[in-house]
Protein backbone atom coordinates (compact mmCIF):
# COMPACT_ATOMS: atom_id res chain seq x y z
CA UNK A 1 12.29 0.03 10.25
CA UNK A 2 9.83 -2.39 8.28
CA UNK A 3 9.31 -5.99 8.90
CA UNK A 4 7.58 -6.47 5.51
CA UNK A 5 4.91 -4.75 3.10
CA UNK A 6 1.80 -6.67 1.62
CA UNK A 7 -0.78 -5.38 -0.76
CA UNK A 8 -4.21 -6.12 -2.57
CA UNK A 9 -5.90 -4.86 -5.66
CA UNK A 10 -9.21 -5.73 -6.66
CA UNK A 11 -10.04 -6.24 -10.46
CA UNK A 12 -13.64 -5.49 -11.28
CA UNK A 13 -15.26 -6.92 -14.41
CA UNK A 14 -15.32 -3.12 -15.79
CA UNK A 15 -11.43 -3.04 -15.38
CA UNK A 16 -8.22 -4.41 -17.08
CA UNK A 17 -6.36 -6.81 -15.36
CA UNK A 18 -3.17 -5.75 -17.41
CA UNK A 19 -3.85 -2.05 -16.38
CA UNK A 20 -4.25 -2.60 -12.77
CA UNK A 21 -0.92 -4.93 -12.96
CA UNK A 22 0.49 -1.63 -14.53
CA UNK A 23 -0.93 0.39 -11.64
CA UNK A 24 1.07 -2.14 -9.00
CA UNK A 25 4.17 -2.07 -10.91
CA UNK A 26 4.44 1.53 -10.21
CA UNK A 27 4.28 1.13 -6.66
CA UNK A 28 6.10 -2.53 -6.71
CA UNK A 29 8.10 -2.89 -9.98
CA UNK A 30 9.51 -6.20 -9.12
CA UNK A 31 6.12 -7.64 -7.98
CA UNK A 32 4.51 -11.02 -9.31
CA UNK A 33 1.28 -10.87 -7.73
CA UNK A 34 -1.13 -14.04 -6.97
CA UNK A 35 -4.13 -14.00 -8.27
CA UNK A 36 -7.48 -15.19 -6.61
CA UNK A 37 -10.96 -15.04 -8.21
CA UNK A 38 -14.05 -14.76 -6.16
CA UNK A 39 -17.52 -13.96 -6.63
CA UNK A 40 -18.86 -10.17 -6.54
CA UNK A 41 -21.99 -9.04 -4.65
CA UNK A 42 -23.72 -9.24 -7.90
CA UNK A 43 -22.42 -12.53 -8.95
CA UNK A 44 -20.27 -10.85 -11.01
CA UNK A 45 -16.35 -12.09 -11.25
CA UNK A 46 -13.82 -10.20 -9.08
CA UNK A 47 -10.00 -10.62 -8.99
CA UNK A 48 -7.76 -9.93 -6.08
CA UNK A 49 -4.05 -9.42 -6.88
CA UNK A 50 -1.92 -9.68 -3.94
CA UNK A 51 1.63 -10.10 -2.68
CA UNK A 52 3.91 -9.63 0.01
CA UNK A 53 7.54 -8.52 0.55
CA UNK A 54 9.96 -9.09 3.46
CA UNK A 55 13.20 -8.99 1.85
CA UNK A 56 15.48 -5.80 2.13
CA UNK A 57 15.57 -4.80 -1.17
CA UNK A 58 11.87 -4.63 -2.46
CA UNK A 59 11.16 -2.67 1.17
CA UNK A 60 13.83 -0.26 0.34
CA UNK A 61 12.45 0.42 -2.91
CA UNK A 62 9.02 1.10 -1.59
CA UNK A 63 10.33 3.44 1.22
CA UNK A 64 12.44 5.26 -1.32
CA UNK A 65 9.17 5.50 -3.53
CA UNK A 66 7.53 6.93 -0.37
CA UNK A 67 10.03 9.48 -0.01
CA UNK A 68 9.04 11.03 -3.40
CA UNK A 69 5.69 11.74 -2.25
CA UNK A 70 5.04 15.43 -2.45
CA UNK A 71 5.43 17.46 0.81
CA UNK A 72 1.54 17.97 1.35
CA UNK A 73 0.89 14.16 1.00
CA UNK A 74 3.50 13.26 3.39
CA UNK A 75 1.83 15.80 5.93
CA UNK A 76 -1.23 14.32 5.45
CA UNK A 77 -0.36 11.11 6.19
CA UNK A 78 1.70 12.16 8.94
CA UNK A 79 -1.31 13.81 10.29
CA UNK A 80 -3.36 10.84 10.10
CA UNK A 81 -0.92 8.17 10.93
CA UNK A 82 -2.69 7.59 14.39
CA UNK A 83 -5.65 6.64 12.58
CA UNK A 84 -4.13 4.49 10.03
CA UNK A 85 -2.21 2.44 12.38
CA UNK A 86 -3.41 -0.49 14.53
CA UNK A 87 -2.14 -1.40 17.85
CA UNK A 88 0.05 -3.87 16.23
CA UNK A 89 2.06 -1.35 14.44
CA UNK A 90 0.65 -2.36 11.03
CA UNK A 91 0.31 1.10 8.73
CA UNK A 92 -2.47 0.86 6.18
CA UNK A 93 -2.41 3.09 3.35
CA UNK A 94 -4.38 3.16 -0.14
CA UNK A 95 -2.83 4.40 -3.37
CA UNK A 96 -5.31 5.56 -5.95
CA UNK A 97 -5.45 2.94 -8.92
CA UNK A 98 -6.24 5.18 -11.80
CA UNK A 99 -3.64 7.56 -10.75
CA UNK A 100 -0.91 4.89 -10.19
CA UNK A 101 -1.65 3.72 -13.77
CA UNK A 102 -0.76 7.17 -14.95
CA UNK A 103 2.64 6.77 -12.77
CA UNK A 104 1.61 9.13 -10.32
CA UNK A 105 1.25 8.55 -6.35
CA UNK A 106 -1.73 9.59 -4.62
CA UNK A 107 -2.82 8.48 -1.26
CA UNK A 108 -6.37 8.14 -1.18
CA UNK A 109 -9.28 7.40 1.36
CA UNK A 110 -11.85 5.58 -1.20
CA UNK A 111 -11.75 1.58 -1.48
CA UNK A 112 -11.03 1.65 -5.40
CA UNK A 113 -7.29 1.59 -4.54
CA UNK A 114 -4.23 -0.44 -4.09
CA UNK A 115 -4.48 -1.46 -0.40
CA UNK A 116 -1.02 -1.41 1.33
CA UNK A 117 -0.06 -2.66 4.68
CA UNK A 118 3.24 -1.77 6.41
CA UNK A 119 4.25 -3.70 9.13
CA UNK A 120 6.48 -1.11 11.18
CA UNK A 121 9.51 -3.14 13.13
CA UNK A 122 9.12 -1.22 16.22
CA UNK A 123 10.67 -2.65 19.59
CA UNK A 124 9.25 -2.90 21.79
CA UNK A 125 6.28 -3.81 19.75
CA UNK A 126 3.86 -0.95 20.95
CA UNK A 127 1.84 1.63 18.78
CA UNK A 128 3.38 4.61 20.57
CA UNK A 129 7.01 3.40 19.44
CA UNK A 130 5.61 2.32 15.77
CA UNK A 131 3.82 5.99 15.46
CA UNK A 132 7.35 7.45 16.41
CA UNK A 133 9.31 5.23 13.38
CA UNK A 134 6.33 5.95 11.20
CA UNK A 135 6.80 9.76 11.28
CA UNK A 136 10.35 9.35 10.84
CA UNK A 137 9.61 7.44 7.68
CA UNK A 138 7.40 10.64 6.26
CA UNK A 139 9.71 13.11 7.33
């Protein structure tokens, strides 16, 4: 159903790295993210935390977490599925960092979030097939 899942989150100078790591652990409890340091637009330090999962257990745990989303959130994702999936079957979701820190999952549109990319296992590898699998994932 899913080949792999990857994520990335930005830690800006006004944020605590530990709090962002806590937010990530709400989505991915067993993740040990890699950390890259980059220079921001205003010459400030920005950290990028990222990881990728291709093993069955962390993928299954994430799918179970998605199933715990409330019905309005699932319906909103299903309605926007075509816009959130590329031609290669990659589904892109964003989860609010502040809400995740509080243990709550909230799918958002803004950039200050945990960016998640879900590679849907579609055969044949076409967007139409991946969309059907994506719908089943959130029903």
